[in-house]
């Protein structure tokens, strides 16, 4: 068993957190929102440097389900429908180790585009209006 493989994973639905415990007695707790905005999926990370998609309105997101992916990762399903990220043990440890800086950077990016962690009210429709190009 690799040292970065959790010995126990607990999904705390009430607090919307994922707790990872390790053989050395350490544990890390990551919020559903943090995991969602840092999903390793192409939908979030893009297909290359500079193609990342800033995730907005995820403050209330919850993890609906998790399943093991072989002996190396878990797949999380979120209540906003996102279910394409495979979180390897290594990636989860990186997220845990860099949590404070990643979170601070995320909040700065939201602020820079005047976006919010809060979800839009139910029934809100967003229309992106692009300036028309001259013919």
Protein backbone atom coordinates (compact mmCIF):
# COMPACT_ATOMS: atom_id res chain seq x y z
CA UNK A 1 0.00 0.00 0.00
CA UNK A 2 1.45 3.36 -1.02
CA UNK A 3 1.87 5.98 1.69
CA UNK A 4 -0.49 8.34 -0.14
CA UNK A 5 -3.33 5.78 -0.17
CA UNK A 6 -5.98 6.59 2.43
CA UNK A 7 -6.87 3.80 4.84
CA UNK A 8 -10.34 5.29 5.33
CA UNK A 9 -12.52 7.77 3.46
CA UNK A 10 -15.56 9.29 5.11
CA UNK A 11 -18.16 11.36 3.30
CA UNK A 12 -19.81 13.71 5.79
CA UNK A 13 -22.97 14.74 3.96
CA UNK A 14 -24.22 17.11 6.65
CA UNK A 15 -21.04 19.21 6.68
CA UNK A 16 -20.36 18.59 2.96
CA UNK A 17 -16.81 17.39 3.61
CA UNK A 18 -14.63 14.47 2.66
CA UNK A 19 -12.31 13.12 5.35
CA UNK A 20 -9.25 11.10 4.34
CA UNK A 21 -7.37 9.13 7.00
CA UNK A 22 -3.92 7.59 6.53
CA UNK A 23 -1.92 4.75 8.11
CA UNK A 24 0.42 7.21 9.84
CA UNK A 25 -2.53 8.61 11.84
CA UNK A 26 -2.90 11.83 9.85
CA UNK A 27 -6.14 12.92 8.27
CA UNK A 28 -7.26 15.67 5.91
CA UNK A 29 -10.70 17.14 5.49
CA UNK A 30 -11.66 18.83 2.24
CA UNK A 31 -14.92 20.65 1.59
CA UNK A 32 -17.18 19.69 -1.29
CA UNK A 33 -16.90 23.22 -2.66
CA UNK A 34 -13.08 23.07 -2.61
CA UNK A 35 -13.07 19.68 -4.33
CA UNK A 36 -15.62 20.83 -6.91
CA UNK A 37 -13.77 24.01 -7.91
CA UNK A 38 -10.49 22.09 -8.09
CA UNK A 39 -11.86 19.12 -10.01
CA UNK A 40 -9.22 17.39 -12.11
CA UNK A 41 -11.72 17.10 -14.98
CA UNK A 42 -11.14 18.64 -18.39
CA UNK A 43 -14.40 20.56 -17.85
CA UNK A 44 -12.65 22.52 -15.07
CA UNK A 45 -8.95 22.28 -15.93
CA UNK A 46 -9.30 22.51 -19.69
CA UNK A 47 -7.09 20.58 -22.06
CA UNK A 48 -3.98 22.65 -21.52
CA UNK A 49 -2.38 25.58 -19.73
CA UNK A 50 -4.57 28.68 -19.80
CA UNK A 51 -7.77 26.76 -20.61
CA UNK A 52 -8.97 26.49 -17.01
CA UNK A 53 -12.63 27.36 -16.43
CA UNK A 54 -13.26 29.38 -13.27
CA UNK A 55 -16.02 27.69 -11.28
CA UNK A 56 -18.59 30.11 -9.86
CA UNK A 57 -21.54 29.71 -7.52
CA UNK A 58 -20.38 26.47 -5.89
CA UNK A 59 -20.62 27.46 -2.20
CA UNK A 60 -23.58 25.16 -1.51
CA UNK A 61 -22.51 22.20 -3.66
CA UNK A 62 -22.62 18.78 -2.00
CA UNK A 63 -21.06 15.44 -2.81
CA UNK A 64 -23.83 12.99 -3.68
CA UNK A 65 -21.70 9.91 -4.11
CA UNK A 66 -18.18 8.57 -4.33
CA UNK A 67 -16.86 5.38 -5.84
CA UNK A 68 -13.43 3.79 -5.91
CA UNK A 69 -11.55 3.82 -9.21
CA UNK A 70 -9.24 0.86 -9.04
CA UNK A 71 -6.73 1.13 -6.22
CA UNK A 72 -5.57 4.62 -7.16
CA UNK A 73 -8.45 7.11 -7.01
CA UNK A 74 -12.07 8.01 -6.32
CA UNK A 75 -14.71 9.48 -8.56
CA UNK A 76 -16.97 12.07 -6.96
CA UNK A 77 -20.50 12.93 -8.05
CA UNK A 78 -21.69 16.38 -7.03
CA UNK A 79 -25.28 17.54 -6.68
CA UNK A 80 -24.81 20.11 -9.46
CA UNK A 81 -24.41 17.21 -11.91
CA UNK A 82 -20.60 17.31 -12.18
CA UNK A 83 -19.21 13.77 -12.16
CA UNK A 84 -16.27 13.64 -14.53
CA UNK A 85 -13.30 14.21 -12.22
CA UNK A 86 -11.12 11.30 -11.10
CA UNK A 87 -9.30 12.28 -7.89
CA UNK A 88 -6.12 10.21 -7.56
CA UNK A 89 -4.60 9.65 -4.13
CA UNK A 90 -1.66 11.81 -5.18
CA UNK A 91 -3.92 14.64 -6.35
CA UNK A 92 -5.93 14.52 -3.10
CA UNK A 93 -2.71 14.82 -1.11
CA UNK A 94 -1.60 17.75 -3.28
CA UNK A 95 -4.94 19.47 -2.69
CA UNK A 96 -4.60 18.90 1.05
CA UNK A 97 -1.01 20.15 1.21
CA UNK A 98 -1.72 23.25 -0.89
CA UNK A 99 -5.27 23.92 0.36
CA UNK A 100 -4.63 27.40 1.78
CA UNK A 101 -2.79 28.78 -1.24
CA UNK A 102 -5.18 27.15 -3.73
CA UNK A 103 -8.17 28.56 -1.88
CA UNK A 104 -6.68 32.04 -1.64
CA UNK A 105 -5.83 31.99 -5.34
CA UNK A 106 -9.37 30.83 -6.20
CA UNK A 107 -10.93 33.67 -4.16
CA UNK A 108 -8.64 36.22 -5.86
CA UNK A 109 -9.67 34.94 -9.29
CA UNK A 110 -13.37 35.20 -8.38
CA UNK A 111 -12.83 38.72 -7.09
CA UNK A 112 -10.93 39.74 -10.22
CA UNK A 113 -13.93 38.91 -12.41
CA UNK A 114 -16.45 40.11 -9.83
CA UNK A 115 -17.93 36.61 -9.55
CA UNK A 116 -19.41 34.95 -6.50
CA UNK A 117 -19.24 31.66 -4.65
CA UNK A 118 -22.99 31.96 -4.16
CA UNK A 119 -25.22 30.09 -6.60
CA UNK A 120 -27.70 32.02 -8.72
CA UNK A 121 -31.27 32.01 -7.39
CA UNK A 122 -33.46 29.18 -8.68
CA UNK A 123 -35.08 30.03 -11.98
CA UNK A 124 -32.37 32.52 -12.98
CA UNK A 125 -31.38 32.30 -16.61
CA UNK A 126 -27.99 33.56 -17.75
CA UNK A 127 -27.52 34.80 -21.29
CA UNK A 128 -24.01 35.67 -22.44
CA UNK A 129 -24.17 38.49 -24.94
CA UNK A 130 -21.20 38.70 -27.23
CA UNK A 131 -20.60 41.89 -29.17
CA UNK A 132 -21.56 41.35 -32.77
CA UNK A 133 -18.75 41.34 -35.28
CA UNK A 134 -18.83 43.82 -38.14
CA UNK A 135 -19.91 42.29 -41.44
